[in-house]
Amino acid sequence: MSREQEIWNEIDQKVKNTKILLFTKGSKEAPRCGFSAATIECFNNLGVPFETVDVLADPELRPVLQKYGNWPTTPQVYINGKFIGGCDIIRELHASGELKKLVDGAMAG
């Protein structure tokens, strides 16, 4: 198995086994970019448990993640195994109240 396939499988398992997962630059305790910080802030405001994966920790992760999510940028947010979007989409969903509905559904399931 290639390294890319191993990384793909790791991403896939993490996405499927984590209710709310954010692929970010940095961690939720110490975001390392404004977009990641803004996305993390939306979930902190909702007061729900979520996990982050720092794409800067492994240089091989980011290109595979971009293919996996078919999304060119970070952060990438997955809720209940489904790709939701990046920073702008998350902020819009948060402002409209839709993010809370998605999160509540994930936490109930």
Protein backbone atom coordinates (compact mmCIF):
# COMPACT_ATOMS: atom_id res chain seq x y z
CA MET A 1 0.00 0.00 0.00
CA SER A 2 1.32 3.44 -0.91
CA ARG A 3 1.86 6.16 1.70
CA GLU A 4 -0.89 8.18 0.01
CA GLN A 5 -3.32 5.27 0.40
CA GLU A 6 -2.34 4.87 4.07
CA ILE A 7 -3.02 8.56 4.69
CA TRP A 8 -6.33 8.34 2.80
CA ASN A 9 -7.36 5.41 5.00
CA GLU A 10 -6.35 7.29 8.17
CA ILE A 11 -8.40 10.33 7.09
CA ASP A 12 -11.36 8.11 6.19
CA GLN A 13 -11.32 6.29 9.54
CA LYS A 14 -11.02 9.54 11.51
CA VAL A 15 -13.87 11.16 9.53
CA LYS A 16 -16.14 8.14 10.01
CA ASN A 17 -15.36 7.70 13.72
CA THR A 18 -15.52 11.32 14.89
CA LYS A 19 -18.85 13.15 15.14
CA ILE A 20 -17.35 16.60 14.56
CA LEU A 21 -13.92 16.77 12.96
CA LEU A 22 -12.04 19.82 11.77
CA PHE A 23 -8.88 19.60 9.68
CA THR A 24 -7.14 22.86 10.58
CA LYS A 25 -3.81 24.62 10.57
CA GLY A 26 -2.78 24.25 14.18
CA SER A 27 -4.93 22.85 16.98
CA LYS A 28 -8.13 24.02 18.64
CA GLU A 29 -5.99 25.26 21.54
CA ALA A 30 -3.52 27.05 19.24
CA PRO A 31 -4.82 27.69 15.71
CA ARG A 32 -2.11 28.82 13.30
CA CYS A 33 -4.21 30.68 10.73
CA GLY A 34 -7.11 33.11 10.85
CA PHE A 35 -9.49 30.88 8.89
CA SER A 36 -8.82 27.94 11.20
CA ALA A 37 -9.27 30.19 14.25
CA ALA A 38 -12.59 31.54 12.94
CA THR A 39 -13.89 28.03 12.22
CA ILE A 40 -12.82 26.73 15.64
CA GLU A 41 -14.50 29.75 17.25
CA CYS A 42 -17.85 28.81 15.65
CA PHE A 43 -17.73 25.38 17.29
CA ASN A 44 -16.47 26.77 20.60
CA ASN A 45 -19.45 29.17 20.57
CA LEU A 46 -21.78 26.19 20.24
CA GLY A 47 -20.12 24.53 23.25
CA VAL A 48 -19.92 21.09 21.67
CA PRO A 49 -17.09 18.56 21.74
CA PHE A 50 -15.09 18.41 18.54
CA GLU A 51 -11.68 17.26 17.40
CA THR A 52 -9.08 18.94 15.24
CA VAL A 53 -6.34 17.45 13.09
CA ASP A 54 -3.38 19.75 12.44
CA VAL A 55 -2.55 19.54 8.73
CA LEU A 56 0.77 21.28 9.40
CA ALA A 57 1.96 18.37 11.57
CA ASP A 58 2.42 16.09 8.52
CA PRO A 59 3.35 17.65 5.16
CA GLU A 60 2.01 14.57 3.33
CA LEU A 61 -1.46 14.95 4.84
CA ARG A 62 -2.64 18.12 3.14
CA PRO A 63 -2.49 17.04 -0.53
CA VAL A 64 -4.31 13.79 0.30
CA LEU A 65 -6.92 15.67 2.33
CA GLN A 66 -7.54 18.01 -0.60
CA LYS A 67 -8.30 15.00 -2.80
CA TYR A 68 -10.34 13.26 -0.10
CA GLY A 69 -12.65 16.22 0.48
CA ASN A 70 -12.43 17.49 -3.09
CA TRP A 71 -11.76 20.85 -1.45
CA PRO A 72 -8.61 22.89 -2.09
CA THR A 73 -8.28 24.73 1.22
CA THR A 74 -8.04 24.26 4.96
CA PRO A 75 -9.97 24.17 7.22
CA GLN A 76 -12.23 21.32 6.23
CA VAL A 77 -15.16 20.41 8.47
CA TYR A 78 -16.82 17.00 8.67
CA ILE A 79 -19.94 16.33 10.72
CA ASN A 80 -21.21 12.75 11.05
CA GLY A 81 -18.82 11.65 8.30
CA LYS A 82 -20.11 14.24 5.82
CA PHE A 83 -18.03 17.07 4.39
CA ILE A 84 -19.71 20.37 5.30
CA GLY A 85 -17.27 22.96 4.00
CA GLY A 86 -14.56 25.43 4.87
CA CYS A 87 -14.39 28.62 6.89
CA ASP A 88 -16.79 30.81 4.89
CA ILE A 89 -19.46 28.12 4.70
CA ILE A 90 -19.15 27.33 8.41
CA ARG A 91 -19.43 31.01 9.34
CA GLU A 92 -22.54 31.39 7.17
CA LEU A 93 -24.11 28.25 8.65
CA HIS A 94 -23.28 29.47 12.17
CA ALA A 95 -24.80 32.93 11.53
CA SER A 96 -28.01 31.41 10.12
CA GLY A 97 -28.39 28.84 12.91
CA GLU A 98 -27.99 25.92 10.51
CA LEU A 99 -24.66 24.84 12.02
CA LYS A 100 -26.32 24.39 15.42
CA LYS A 101 -28.95 22.13 13.78
CA LEU A 102 -26.24 20.02 12.10
CA VAL A 103 -24.28 19.78 15.35
CA ASP A 104 -27.38 18.96 17.42
CA GLY A 105 -28.24 16.21 14.96
CA ALA A 106 -24.73 14.78 15.17
CA MET A 107 -24.73 14.85 18.98
CA ALA A 108 -28.14 13.17 19.13
CA GLY A 109 -27.11 10.38 16.76
